[in-house]
Structure formats: structure tokens, C-alpha cells
Amino acid sequence: MIALAAAAWQPASAETTLSLRAFAEAVLLADDTLAGRRLDIDIAGADLRGARGAFEPSAFINGRRDRSNVENTAQERLQRGLSNSFDSRVTDFKVGLASRTESGGDVEFAYRIDRYRNNLQPQSLYGREFRSVVGVSVTQPLLRGAGRTFNRAPINIAEYEERLAEEIFRLSVQQRLADAVGSYIQFQEATERVELLRSSLEVAEQLVRTAQRMAALGARPGSAVIEAVVFRDTRRLQLEQARQDMVEARASMRSLLLATEGRLRDGPVPAAVQIRNVPRIGDRALTVPDVESMRNTAFERRSESRIAALRVARDSIRISAAENQLLPQLDITARYDLDGLSDSAQSSVGRAARGPNRVWGVGIELRVPLQGNQRARADHDAARLRRDQSELALVAARQRIANEVESTREAAEGAVRQLESQRALVMSQRELLRSADVQAEGGRMSGVELQRRRLELLQAEEQLLSRKAAAYRARFAIAFTSGRLAEELERD
């Protein structure tokens, strides 16, 4: 595909030929709509990076200090050595790593140290106590929220969204290139037609002068002069119309190069809008592929088909995720801690590592909606309807592409046949003109008849120009219908 990030396009000068590829690149560079589509790709890429961050591990640290001074109940007084009140200071500090796994589980590995001070601790024994806890805890869903398929669904959906943004951008590029090709060929055809009609008008004027001389000599009737004048005036009108068509074609190309008002406000009109020096329409042979291969290529490469297929795949992932949410919630929890208590932080850590104190636990939790899980069912139904809609869009897109393939191929075959027929006619006209030149030199043909033969050849060449332009358009129409327009322009 023609790169939008290429260096600034150098506009055509009076000595430089403005090729179709250069014009197409300039059109793409001038279109801010494509820049907006490109931003859609960047946005989708950012969303994808965010979705992948769901399994990013995190480090955490937290601290807390509690102070309490409360009166003891009668039972608490008996338990706490007849003390009337309980004065406590607790400092809690925790640090660790936490992460979410692709199976849906939450894993936490942490170290916690607590410092205790209260009025019940004999100052001679401890004064203060430190408890160190090193452990790991896991919460793993078994039904709802479990499994790699469900937990990677946001990532997979984001990947499809990025591919969709790329295909929508590609579709916009293809459509813009098609506009550029159409305007360029229209200008080529109009330019060549002006040249042919200008030559034809010169011959028609010579025909008028020759007919007038021969009528003055009595060799031709006066009606021949009138006929020549009418023909000359007709060609003059056709030339004026062709010039107007060329002006309109140039304006169409200019409008594509100045695609936004912002570019007009940024500064003077760039030299690129001075459309001139386009090459003649090529006489390259047009090969029409068979309908089956053309249809298969179009299904594979056309952005419309790819967009519809990507949406079906994306919506299928959403259905799978919605089906998971229909299940009841059944989670299993487990923890395992090493515990150590001492009168210093360092000693408590050592006791946790070497001592016999262990804490472990396993639990299970079941949660079932009492009214049939209405929200999850509604989300599931909506996901199925969206996929059905996407599947219908895919069928419609492929049917439309198949129809375009057949109609484009038929038009291309007709353009090839008409081009060959007209080319054969022009060759015959040229042979007749050469024969007429020989006869005129030998005095066996009048100047009027010779000039008419030249006019007939110019008219045939004008028709040949139309046939060549039609075949040229058909070549790019086949490439566009097959999803290969950018590649065709690269080869042009």
C-alpha cells in the first residue's frame, strides 16, 4: 500500500510528468480524513495495550496504626489481671506482590509485620511484641470467571478492534485511490481529446478552404462548401466542450489535492494543484482473470468482506464470555502463612522461617442469583443478536462483492473487445489514408477527399481514445474489485 508516512511529495513542475502513482500519493497525503482513520488505529492499539495489562503483576505496600484505650468488662478484668482498662497500640506494615492469572485466579504473596504494645505486657519481659507473617493466598474461580478463554476475552476483542481499525483505514485508502484514479484518467482522456479535436479542427478548416477554392473553379457544388463549414463548426463546438471537460477534470483533481479547508488556511495554494504534463493513456494489454479466481481474491482481500468477517469473530468471543457469566459463582480460596512472634522485628522473622508455627486454610464460596441471573442472560441474548447481525452483514457483503466481480468482469471483457475492434478500424483507416496520399500525389484523388479521409481517421482515433480510456479504467476497476488497487498502482 502506498505509504502515507512518505516524505513530502514533490509537486509536478512544468518539466516533470505527473504520473498516476505520484498523483495518488499526493491525494493520500492531502486527505486529513485518512489521518483521522490512522488515529483510530493508534487508539485501538492503546486499548489493546491496556487490555493486556489486566495480568500485569503489582507491588503493594501499606501501613496502619491503631490506638485504643477502653474499659474492661468484669469478665475481661478477670482475664486481664484485674486491670480496669485496656490500653493498646498496634502498628501494622505489609508489603508484597499481587497478580491475576489467565485462569482467573488472584494470587498474593506478602510479608506482614505487626508491633503490639499494651498495658498488660510486663516491661521487664517484652515491653513490646513483633509478629511476622510470610505467606501466600489464592482465590480461584471454578465456574463463573474461570478459564483462559474468558479472562483473555478482553484482549482478544481488543486485537480484533485493532484489526478492524486497520481494515477501515485500508478501505478508506482504497476508496480515495479509486477517486484519484477516476479523476486522473478523466483528465488524461480530456487532454488527449482536446489534442485530437484541435488537429481535426485544423483539417476541417483546410477542408473548408479547399472546398471554397474548388467551388470557385466550378469543380465542386456550393453545397460541398456548406457541408464543410457545418462540419468545421461542429468540430469547433466539440473542441470547446472538450476543453470544458478538461477544465472540470482538472478541478476534480485539484479538489482531491486540497481535501480540507484547513490546508487552504495554512498558507498559499501549493504548486501541486497545478495539474499539467500528464502522460498519455497507456496501451498496455488488459488481462481479464477468470470469474472464480477473481471472486475468491475479492472475498479474501476486499476490506468490506474482511471487516464483516472480523466482526463475526469478535462477536463470537463476546458470546463465549457472556455464556461464562451465566454460570453460578463458585470460588475456592486457600492460604498458607509462616508465623513468628518475638520481642524484635529481626527475631520474629527468624522464628517465622524456622519455627513450627504454620497457618493454613481452605474455603469455598457459592453464590447463585435468585431471579435467574437476568442481567447475564440479557447480555448473552444481546451478544447473540449482534453476531447474527454481523453474519448477515458478512453474507450481504460477499453477495455484493460477487455481483461487483461479475459486472466488472463483463464490463472489462466488453472494453477489451471494443478496444480491439476499434484498433483494427484505426489500422484500416490508416491504410486507406496512405493509399489516398498515393492517389492524391498521382492526381487520382482530390484534396477534398484526402482531407475527408484524414478527418475520418481522426474521428476513428478519437473513438479509439475512448476505448483505451475504458480499458484503462477497467484495469483499475478489476484491481479495485479484487482488493488490489494499491498494488496495481505500485506496478503502474
Protein backbone atom coordinates (compact mmCIF):
# COMPACT_ATOMS: atom_id res chain seq x y z
CA MET A 1 0.00 0.00 0.00
CA ILE A 2 1.21 3.48 -0.81
CA ALA A 3 2.74 4.83 2.40
CA LEU A 4 1.17 7.87 3.97
CA ALA A 5 4.27 8.47 6.05
CA ALA A 6 6.42 9.10 2.98
CA ALA A 7 8.45 12.24 2.64
CA ALA A 8 6.74 15.35 1.38
CA TRP A 9 5.59 14.78 -2.16
CA GLN A 10 7.39 16.88 -4.72
CA PRO A 11 4.79 18.60 -6.93
CA ALA A 12 4.92 18.43 -10.68
CA SER A 13 6.73 21.27 -12.40
CA ALA A 14 6.43 22.40 -15.98
CA GLU A 15 9.16 19.90 -16.94
CA THR A 16 8.02 17.00 -14.74
CA THR A 17 5.42 14.44 -15.71
CA LEU A 18 2.69 13.96 -13.14
CA SER A 19 2.31 10.19 -13.03
CA LEU A 20 -0.78 8.44 -11.74
CA ARG A 21 1.14 6.98 -8.80
CA ALA A 22 2.53 10.39 -7.82
CA PHE A 23 -0.93 11.91 -8.03
CA ALA A 24 -2.41 9.10 -5.92
CA GLU A 25 0.28 9.58 -3.26
CA ALA A 26 -0.40 13.31 -3.22
CA VAL A 27 -4.13 12.67 -2.77
CA LEU A 28 -3.50 10.38 0.20
CA LEU A 29 -1.14 12.88 1.80
CA ALA A 30 -3.68 15.67 1.36
CA ASP A 31 -6.62 13.84 2.92
CA ASP A 32 -6.98 14.57 6.62
CA THR A 33 -9.78 12.02 6.85
CA LEU A 34 -7.19 9.29 6.42
CA ALA A 35 -5.13 10.85 9.19
CA GLY A 36 -8.18 10.55 11.41
CA ARG A 37 -8.58 6.90 10.44
CA ARG A 38 -4.93 6.39 11.29
CA LEU A 39 -5.59 7.79 14.74
CA ASP A 40 -8.35 5.20 15.14
CA ILE A 41 -5.67 2.53 14.69
CA ASP A 42 -3.49 4.19 17.32
CA ILE A 43 -6.45 4.40 19.71
CA ALA A 44 -7.26 0.72 19.17
CA GLY A 45 -3.59 -0.13 19.78
CA ALA A 46 -3.66 1.81 23.05
CA ASP A 47 -6.82 -0.04 24.10
CA LEU A 48 -5.10 -3.34 23.28
CA ARG A 49 -2.10 -2.46 25.44
CA GLY A 50 -4.49 -1.55 28.23
CA ALA A 51 -6.33 -4.87 27.91
CA ARG A 52 -3.06 -6.79 28.09
CA GLY A 53 -2.29 -5.00 31.32
CA ALA A 54 -5.01 -6.97 33.09
CA PHE A 55 -2.43 -9.64 34.05
CA GLU A 56 0.30 -7.21 34.98
CA PRO A 57 1.70 -8.01 38.44
CA SER A 58 1.75 -5.24 41.00
CA ALA A 59 3.76 -4.49 44.10
CA PHE A 60 1.98 -3.05 47.09
CA ILE A 61 2.89 -1.59 50.44
CA ASN A 62 0.61 -0.34 53.19
CA GLY A 63 0.86 0.64 56.81
CA ARG A 64 -1.62 1.22 59.62
CA ARG A 65 -1.51 2.33 63.26
CA ASP A 66 -4.34 1.72 65.74
CA ARG A 67 -4.62 3.17 69.25
CA SER A 68 -7.35 2.16 71.69
CA ASN A 69 -7.99 2.79 75.41
CA VAL A 70 -11.20 1.14 76.64
CA GLU A 71 -12.62 -0.06 79.96
CA ASN A 72 -12.64 -3.78 80.60
CA THR A 73 -15.81 -5.67 81.43
CA ALA A 74 -15.94 -7.81 84.57
CA GLN A 75 -15.05 -10.89 82.57
CA GLU A 76 -12.21 -9.04 80.80
CA ARG A 77 -10.88 -7.87 84.17
CA LEU A 78 -10.63 -11.47 85.32
CA GLN A 79 -8.89 -12.39 82.08
CA ARG A 80 -6.59 -9.33 82.08
CA GLY A 81 -5.29 -9.41 85.64
CA LEU A 82 -8.00 -7.20 87.24
CA SER A 83 -6.96 -4.23 85.13
CA ASN A 84 -9.73 -1.65 84.81
CA SER A 85 -8.81 -0.61 81.25
CA PHE A 86 -7.01 -1.91 78.18
CA ASP A 87 -4.57 0.48 76.53
CA SER A 88 -3.31 -0.87 73.18
CA ARG A 89 -1.12 0.37 70.34
CA VAL A 90 -0.82 -1.71 67.18
CA THR A 91 1.33 -0.84 64.16
CA ASP A 92 0.78 -2.89 61.02
CA PHE A 93 3.07 -2.87 57.98
CA LYS A 94 2.54 -5.03 54.88
CA VAL A 95 4.43 -5.38 51.59
CA GLY A 96 4.05 -7.89 48.78
CA LEU A 97 3.25 -8.82 45.18
CA ALA A 98 -0.17 -9.47 43.67
CA SER A 99 -1.20 -10.69 40.26
CA ARG A 100 -4.15 -12.05 38.32
CA THR A 101 -3.63 -15.23 36.32
CA GLU A 102 -5.13 -16.08 32.95
CA SER A 103 -7.16 -18.81 34.66
CA GLY A 104 -8.96 -16.07 36.63
CA GLY A 105 -7.24 -16.58 39.95
CA ASP A 106 -5.92 -13.81 42.22
CA VAL A 107 -2.57 -14.63 43.79
CA GLU A 108 -0.92 -12.62 46.57
CA PHE A 109 2.48 -13.15 48.16
CA ALA A 110 3.05 -10.89 51.15
CA TYR A 111 5.11 -10.18 54.23
CA ARG A 112 3.40 -8.54 57.21
CA ILE A 113 4.89 -7.37 60.47
CA ASP A 114 2.82 -6.15 63.44
CA ARG A 115 4.08 -4.38 66.51
CA TYR A 116 1.98 -4.69 69.70
CA ARG A 117 2.19 -2.59 72.85
CA ASN A 118 -0.37 -2.57 75.68
CA ASN A 119 -0.61 -2.07 79.39
CA LEU A 120 -0.82 -5.81 80.07
CA GLN A 121 2.68 -6.56 78.85
CA PRO A 122 5.28 -6.62 81.66
CA GLN A 123 8.01 -4.18 80.70
CA SER A 124 10.63 -6.49 82.16
CA LEU A 125 9.65 -9.34 79.83
CA TYR A 126 8.72 -7.84 76.49
CA GLY A 127 7.64 -4.24 76.58
CA ARG A 128 6.54 -4.71 73.01
CA GLU A 129 5.95 -7.68 70.71
CA PHE A 130 6.55 -8.19 66.99
CA ARG A 131 4.68 -10.70 64.82
CA SER A 132 5.99 -11.54 61.32
CA VAL A 133 3.80 -13.35 58.82
CA VAL A 134 5.07 -14.56 55.45
CA GLY A 135 2.51 -16.24 53.26
CA VAL A 136 0.65 -16.71 50.02
CA SER A 137 -3.08 -16.61 49.32
CA VAL A 138 -5.01 -17.70 46.23
CA THR A 139 -8.61 -17.14 45.16
CA GLN A 140 -9.54 -19.24 42.14
CA PRO A 141 -12.96 -19.22 40.39
CA LEU A 142 -14.18 -22.64 39.33
CA LEU A 143 -17.24 -21.67 37.24
CA ARG A 144 -18.04 -18.02 36.58
CA GLY A 145 -14.91 -16.06 35.71
CA ALA A 146 -12.77 -19.19 35.34
CA GLY A 147 -10.71 -20.24 32.39
CA ARG A 148 -8.24 -18.73 29.97
CA THR A 149 -10.87 -18.22 27.28
CA PHE A 150 -12.98 -15.92 29.43
CA ASN A 151 -10.14 -13.99 31.02
CA ARG A 152 -8.38 -13.34 27.71
CA ALA A 153 -11.62 -12.29 26.01
CA PRO A 154 -10.98 -8.52 26.52
CA ILE A 155 -7.53 -8.92 24.97
CA ASN A 156 -8.83 -10.92 22.01
CA ILE A 157 -11.64 -8.43 21.45
CA ALA A 158 -9.16 -5.54 21.58
CA GLU A 159 -6.99 -7.33 19.00
CA TYR A 160 -9.97 -7.63 16.67
CA GLU A 161 -10.82 -3.97 17.24
CA GLU A 162 -7.31 -3.01 16.18
CA ARG A 163 -7.56 -5.16 13.06
CA LEU A 164 -10.96 -3.64 12.32
CA ALA A 165 -9.49 -0.15 12.59
CA GLU A 166 -6.72 -1.15 10.19
CA GLU A 167 -9.22 -2.58 7.69
CA ILE A 168 -11.45 0.50 7.91
CA PHE A 169 -8.37 2.62 7.24
CA ARG A 170 -7.46 0.38 4.30
CA LEU A 171 -11.00 0.67 2.94
CA SER A 172 -10.82 4.45 3.14
CA VAL A 173 -7.48 4.40 1.31
CA GLN A 174 -8.87 2.15 -1.42
CA GLN A 175 -11.88 4.40 -1.91
CA ARG A 176 -9.70 7.51 -2.02
CA LEU A 177 -7.38 5.86 -4.52
CA ALA A 178 -10.38 4.93 -6.67
CA ASP A 179 -11.44 8.59 -6.69
CA ALA A 180 -7.91 9.63 -7.64
CA VAL A 181 -7.71 7.08 -10.47
CA GLY A 182 -11.08 8.11 -11.86
CA SER A 183 -10.23 11.83 -11.86
CA TYR A 184 -6.77 11.25 -13.31
CA ILE A 185 -7.97 9.09 -16.21
CA GLN A 186 -10.77 11.56 -16.88
CA PHE A 187 -8.18 14.34 -17.18
CA GLN A 188 -5.95 12.18 -19.37
CA GLU A 189 -8.80 11.40 -21.73
CA ALA A 190 -9.98 15.02 -21.84
CA THR A 191 -6.45 16.26 -22.55
CA GLU A 192 -5.89 13.84 -25.43
CA ARG A 193 -9.35 14.52 -26.84
CA VAL A 194 -8.56 18.24 -26.94
CA GLU A 195 -5.41 17.49 -28.92
CA LEU A 196 -7.27 15.25 -31.37
CA LEU A 197 -10.10 17.73 -31.81
CA ARG A 198 -7.64 20.56 -32.31
CA SER A 199 -5.98 18.58 -35.10
CA SER A 200 -9.38 17.67 -36.51
CA LEU A 201 -10.42 21.33 -36.47
CA GLU A 202 -7.28 22.30 -38.41
CA VAL A 203 -8.06 19.69 -41.05
CA ALA A 204 -11.71 20.83 -41.16
CA GLU A 205 -10.60 24.41 -41.77
CA GLN A 206 -8.33 23.20 -44.57
CA LEU A 207 -11.29 21.31 -45.97
CA VAL A 208 -13.39 24.48 -45.99
CA ARG A 209 -10.69 26.41 -47.79
CA THR A 210 -10.19 23.63 -50.34
CA ALA A 211 -13.92 23.32 -50.94
CA GLN A 212 -14.21 27.07 -51.42
CA ARG A 213 -11.40 27.11 -53.99
CA MET A 214 -12.85 24.18 -55.89
CA ALA A 215 -16.35 25.72 -55.80
CA ALA A 216 -14.91 28.97 -57.19
CA LEU A 217 -13.37 26.95 -60.03
CA GLY A 218 -16.66 25.15 -60.58
CA ALA A 219 -15.20 21.77 -59.66
CA ARG A 220 -17.47 21.43 -56.60
CA PRO A 221 -21.04 22.48 -55.94
CA GLY A 222 -21.80 25.15 -53.36
CA SER A 223 -23.42 22.57 -51.10
CA ALA A 224 -19.99 20.99 -50.54
CA VAL A 225 -18.80 24.28 -49.06
CA ILE A 226 -21.80 24.47 -46.78
CA GLU A 227 -21.26 20.87 -45.72
CA ALA A 228 -17.58 21.58 -44.93
CA VAL A 229 -18.48 24.71 -42.95
CA VAL A 230 -21.07 22.83 -40.90
CA PHE A 231 -18.57 20.08 -40.17
CA ARG A 232 -15.92 22.65 -39.16
CA ASP A 233 -18.35 24.44 -36.82
CA THR A 234 -19.41 21.14 -35.30
CA ARG A 235 -15.80 20.24 -34.57
CA ARG A 236 -15.22 23.68 -33.07
CA LEU A 237 -18.15 23.17 -30.70
CA GLN A 238 -16.84 19.72 -29.81
CA LEU A 239 -13.43 21.22 -29.13
CA GLU A 240 -14.93 23.82 -26.82
CA GLN A 241 -16.84 21.11 -24.97
CA ALA A 242 -13.67 19.01 -24.67
CA ARG A 243 -11.80 21.97 -23.25
CA GLN A 244 -14.58 22.48 -20.72
CA ASP A 245 -14.38 18.77 -19.80
CA MET A 246 -10.63 19.16 -19.31
CA VAL A 247 -11.18 22.16 -17.03
CA GLU A 248 -13.71 20.20 -14.97
CA ALA A 249 -11.39 17.18 -14.78
CA ARG A 250 -8.54 19.43 -13.60
CA ALA A 251 -10.86 20.94 -10.98
CA SER A 252 -11.78 17.45 -9.80
CA MET A 253 -8.10 16.55 -9.38
CA ARG A 254 -7.46 19.84 -7.63
CA SER A 255 -10.29 19.22 -5.17
CA LEU A 256 -8.74 15.88 -4.25
CA LEU A 257 -5.38 17.50 -3.60
CA LEU A 258 -6.96 20.24 -1.47
CA ALA A 259 -9.05 17.84 0.54
CA THR A 260 -9.64 20.07 3.58
CA GLU A 261 -10.32 23.70 4.29
CA GLY A 262 -7.51 23.68 6.81
CA ARG A 263 -4.94 23.29 4.05
CA LEU A 264 -6.31 26.36 2.33
CA ARG A 265 -5.96 28.37 5.53
CA ASP A 266 -2.45 27.16 6.30
CA GLY A 267 -0.83 29.14 3.51
CA PRO A 268 -0.78 29.77 -0.23
CA VAL A 269 -2.11 27.22 -2.64
CA PRO A 270 0.64 24.61 -3.14
CA ALA A 271 2.15 24.09 -6.55
CA ALA A 272 0.85 20.52 -6.56
CA VAL A 273 -2.58 21.77 -7.60
CA GLN A 274 -1.17 23.00 -10.92
CA ILE A 275 -2.20 19.93 -12.85
CA ARG A 276 -0.17 19.60 -16.03
CA ASN A 277 2.03 17.26 -18.04
CA VAL A 278 0.10 14.04 -17.53
CA PRO A 279 1.27 11.15 -19.71
CA ARG A 280 -0.86 9.68 -22.45
CA ILE A 281 -3.14 6.78 -21.70
CA GLY A 282 -1.07 3.64 -21.96
CA ASP A 283 -1.71 0.92 -24.47
CA ARG A 284 -0.97 -1.88 -22.04
CA ALA A 285 -2.82 -5.11 -22.71
CA LEU A 286 -5.66 -5.84 -20.29
CA THR A 287 -5.81 -9.37 -18.91
CA VAL A 288 -9.20 -10.29 -17.53
CA PRO A 289 -8.94 -13.06 -14.88
CA ASP A 290 -11.48 -15.85 -14.66
CA VAL A 291 -14.50 -15.14 -12.53
CA GLU A 292 -13.78 -17.84 -9.91
CA SER A 293 -10.25 -16.69 -9.07
CA MET A 294 -11.35 -13.05 -9.17
CA ARG A 295 -14.22 -13.78 -6.78
CA ASN A 296 -12.01 -15.74 -4.36
CA THR A 297 -9.38 -13.00 -4.37
CA ALA A 298 -12.05 -10.38 -3.73
CA PHE A 299 -13.51 -12.35 -0.81
CA GLU A 300 -10.04 -12.68 0.69
CA ARG A 301 -8.72 -9.16 0.10
CA ARG A 302 -11.68 -6.78 -0.05
CA SER A 303 -11.88 -4.77 3.16
CA GLU A 304 -15.68 -4.99 3.24
CA SER A 305 -15.51 -8.79 3.45
CA ARG A 306 -12.65 -8.76 5.94
CA ILE A 307 -14.39 -6.21 8.16
CA ALA A 308 -17.58 -8.28 8.25
CA ALA A 309 -15.63 -11.49 8.99
CA LEU A 310 -13.67 -9.81 11.79
CA ARG A 311 -16.89 -8.58 13.37
CA VAL A 312 -18.34 -12.10 13.31
CA ALA A 313 -15.23 -13.47 15.05
CA ARG A 314 -15.23 -10.63 17.59
CA ASP A 315 -18.91 -11.15 18.42
CA SER A 316 -18.33 -14.90 18.81
CA ILE A 317 -15.81 -14.12 21.56
CA ARG A 318 -18.39 -11.91 23.25
CA ILE A 319 -20.91 -14.76 23.16
CA SER A 320 -18.41 -17.12 24.78
CA ALA A 321 -17.69 -14.58 27.52
CA ALA A 322 -21.43 -14.00 28.06
CA GLU A 323 -22.02 -17.76 28.35
CA ASN A 324 -19.42 -17.90 31.12
CA GLN A 325 -21.33 -15.25 33.07
CA LEU A 326 -24.46 -17.43 33.02
CA LEU A 327 -22.75 -19.90 35.38
CA PRO A 328 -23.07 -19.65 39.18
CA GLN A 329 -20.14 -18.23 41.08
CA LEU A 330 -18.08 -20.93 42.77
CA ASP A 331 -14.73 -19.83 44.19
CA ILE A 332 -12.12 -21.70 46.15
CA THR A 333 -9.74 -19.87 48.48
CA ALA A 334 -6.51 -21.10 50.03
CA ARG A 335 -3.82 -19.54 52.18
CA TYR A 336 -0.59 -20.65 53.80
CA ASP A 337 1.36 -18.49 56.27
CA LEU A 338 4.55 -18.81 58.29
CA ASP A 339 4.19 -17.08 61.67
CA GLY A 340 6.78 -15.84 64.14
CA LEU A 341 6.41 -13.86 67.40
CA SER A 342 9.31 -12.21 69.26
CA ASP A 343 10.42 -9.04 71.02
CA SER A 344 12.22 -7.69 67.92
CA ALA A 345 11.43 -7.47 64.25
CA GLN A 346 14.54 -9.39 63.17
CA SER A 347 13.93 -12.18 65.66
CA SER A 348 10.28 -12.52 64.64
CA VAL A 349 11.29 -13.04 61.01
CA GLY A 350 13.76 -15.74 62.04
CA ARG A 351 11.17 -17.51 64.15
CA ALA A 352 8.71 -17.42 61.24
CA ALA A 353 11.26 -19.04 58.98
CA ARG A 354 12.48 -21.67 61.47
CA GLY A 355 9.67 -22.14 63.90
CA PRO A 356 6.86 -24.69 63.85
CA ASN A 357 4.08 -22.10 63.63
CA ARG A 358 2.07 -22.56 60.46
CA VAL A 359 -1.31 -21.21 59.43
CA TRP A 360 -3.25 -22.61 56.50
CA GLY A 361 -6.83 -22.60 55.38
CA VAL A 362 -9.04 -23.68 52.51
CA GLY A 363 -12.50 -22.32 51.78
CA ILE A 364 -15.20 -22.43 49.18
CA GLU A 365 -17.91 -19.93 48.30
CA LEU A 366 -21.01 -20.46 46.17
CA ARG A 367 -23.17 -17.57 45.01
CA VAL A 368 -26.33 -18.13 42.92
CA PRO A 369 -28.68 -15.36 41.68
CA LEU A 370 -32.21 -15.83 42.98
CA GLN A 371 -34.06 -14.43 39.95
CA GLY A 372 -32.41 -16.31 37.12
CA ASN A 373 -29.36 -14.09 36.56
CA GLN A 374 -31.34 -11.63 34.45
CA ARG A 375 -28.50 -9.29 33.57
CA ALA A 376 -26.20 -12.07 32.37
CA ARG A 377 -28.99 -13.58 30.28
CA ALA A 378 -29.78 -10.22 28.71
CA ASP A 379 -26.10 -9.68 27.89
CA HIS A 380 -25.94 -13.15 26.35
CA ASP A 381 -29.02 -12.54 24.21
CA ALA A 382 -27.64 -9.19 23.04
CA ALA A 383 -24.32 -10.82 22.13
CA ARG A 384 -26.07 -13.50 20.06
CA LEU A 385 -28.15 -10.89 18.25
CA ARG A 386 -25.03 -8.86 17.46
CA ARG A 387 -23.33 -11.92 15.99
CA ASP A 388 -26.43 -12.73 13.92
CA GLN A 389 -26.35 -9.16 12.66
CA SER A 390 -22.66 -9.47 11.79
CA GLU A 391 -23.24 -12.76 9.97
CA LEU A 392 -25.99 -11.17 7.89
CA ALA A 393 -23.66 -8.28 7.09
CA LEU A 394 -20.97 -10.77 6.01
CA VAL A 395 -23.38 -12.59 3.68
CA ALA A 396 -24.57 -9.27 2.24
CA ALA A 397 -21.01 -8.03 1.74
CA ARG A 398 -19.94 -11.17 -0.07
CA GLN A 399 -23.04 -11.14 -2.24
CA ARG A 400 -22.39 -7.52 -3.15
CA ILE A 401 -18.76 -8.30 -3.92
CA ALA A 402 -19.76 -11.28 -6.08
CA ASN A 403 -22.14 -9.07 -8.06
CA GLU A 404 -19.45 -6.42 -8.49
CA VAL A 405 -16.97 -9.05 -9.66
CA GLU A 406 -19.32 -10.35 -12.33
CA SER A 407 -20.38 -6.92 -13.57
CA THR A 408 -16.80 -5.59 -13.55
CA ARG A 409 -15.52 -8.62 -15.41
CA GLU A 410 -18.26 -8.37 -18.04
CA ALA A 411 -17.54 -4.66 -18.50
CA ALA A 412 -13.81 -5.38 -18.80
CA GLU A 413 -14.37 -8.08 -21.42
CA GLY A 414 -16.60 -5.70 -23.37
CA ALA A 415 -13.96 -2.96 -23.12
CA VAL A 416 -11.30 -5.35 -24.46
CA ARG A 417 -13.47 -6.43 -27.40
CA GLN A 418 -14.38 -2.85 -28.30
CA LEU A 419 -10.76 -1.74 -28.00
CA GLU A 420 -9.55 -4.48 -30.33
CA SER A 421 -12.30 -3.74 -32.85
CA GLN A 422 -11.61 -0.01 -32.78
CA ARG A 423 -7.87 -0.57 -33.04
CA ALA A 424 -8.43 -2.72 -36.14
CA LEU A 425 -10.66 0.01 -37.58
CA VAL A 426 -7.99 2.66 -36.97
CA MET A 427 -5.39 0.47 -38.68
CA SER A 428 -7.70 0.15 -41.67
CA GLN A 429 -8.28 3.89 -41.72
CA ARG A 430 -4.55 4.50 -41.69
CA GLU A 431 -4.06 2.12 -44.61
CA LEU A 432 -6.80 3.94 -46.52
CA LEU A 433 -5.17 7.29 -45.77
CA ARG A 434 -1.80 6.05 -47.04
CA SER A 435 -3.50 4.81 -50.18
CA ALA A 436 -5.29 8.14 -50.53
CA ASP A 437 -1.97 10.00 -50.21
CA VAL A 438 -0.55 7.94 -53.08
CA GLN A 439 -3.64 8.57 -55.19
CA ALA A 440 -3.57 12.29 -54.42
CA GLU A 441 0.08 12.50 -55.45
CA GLY A 442 -0.81 10.81 -58.73
CA GLY A 443 -3.69 13.17 -59.28
CA ARG A 444 -6.28 10.39 -58.97
CA MET A 445 -7.93 11.88 -55.81
CA SER A 446 -8.95 15.41 -54.98
CA GLY A 447 -7.74 17.35 -51.98
CA VAL A 448 -11.26 17.36 -50.55
CA GLU A 449 -11.47 13.58 -50.49
CA LEU A 450 -7.98 13.33 -49.00
CA GLN A 451 -8.86 15.69 -46.19
CA ARG A 452 -12.08 13.80 -45.53
CA ARG A 453 -10.07 10.63 -45.16
CA ARG A 454 -7.88 12.41 -42.64
CA LEU A 455 -10.93 13.57 -40.74
CA GLU A 456 -12.32 10.05 -40.73
CA LEU A 457 -9.02 8.79 -39.32
CA LEU A 458 -9.04 11.46 -36.60
CA GLN A 459 -12.62 10.55 -35.71
CA ALA A 460 -11.63 6.89 -35.53
CA GLU A 461 -8.65 7.78 -33.29
CA GLU A 462 -10.97 9.78 -31.06
CA GLN A 463 -13.15 6.71 -30.68
CA LEU A 464 -10.02 4.66 -30.05
CA LEU A 465 -9.10 7.08 -27.28
CA SER A 466 -12.47 6.46 -25.62
CA ARG A 467 -11.97 2.69 -25.93
CA LYS A 468 -8.43 2.89 -24.50
CA ALA A 469 -9.69 5.02 -21.59
CA ALA A 470 -12.48 2.49 -20.95
CA ALA A 471 -9.97 -0.39 -20.95
CA TYR A 472 -7.65 1.60 -18.68
CA ARG A 473 -10.50 2.20 -16.25
CA ALA A 474 -11.46 -1.47 -16.46
CA ARG A 475 -7.94 -2.45 -15.47
CA PHE A 476 -8.17 -0.48 -12.24
CA ALA A 477 -11.80 -1.47 -11.73
CA ILE A 478 -10.70 -5.12 -11.71
CA ALA A 479 -7.92 -4.27 -9.24
CA PHE A 480 -10.35 -2.35 -7.00
CA THR A 481 -12.98 -5.08 -7.11
CA SER A 482 -10.30 -7.67 -6.25
CA GLY A 483 -8.89 -5.53 -3.42
CA ARG A 484 -5.56 -4.95 -5.20
CA LEU A 485 -5.86 -1.32 -6.26
CA ALA A 486 -2.86 -0.06 -4.27
CA GLU A 487 -0.67 -2.88 -5.61
CA GLU A 488 -1.80 -2.14 -9.16
CA LEU A 489 -0.82 1.48 -8.73
CA GLU A 490 2.60 0.40 -7.48
CA ARG A 491 3.08 -1.55 -10.72
CA ASP A 492 1.73 1.20 -12.95
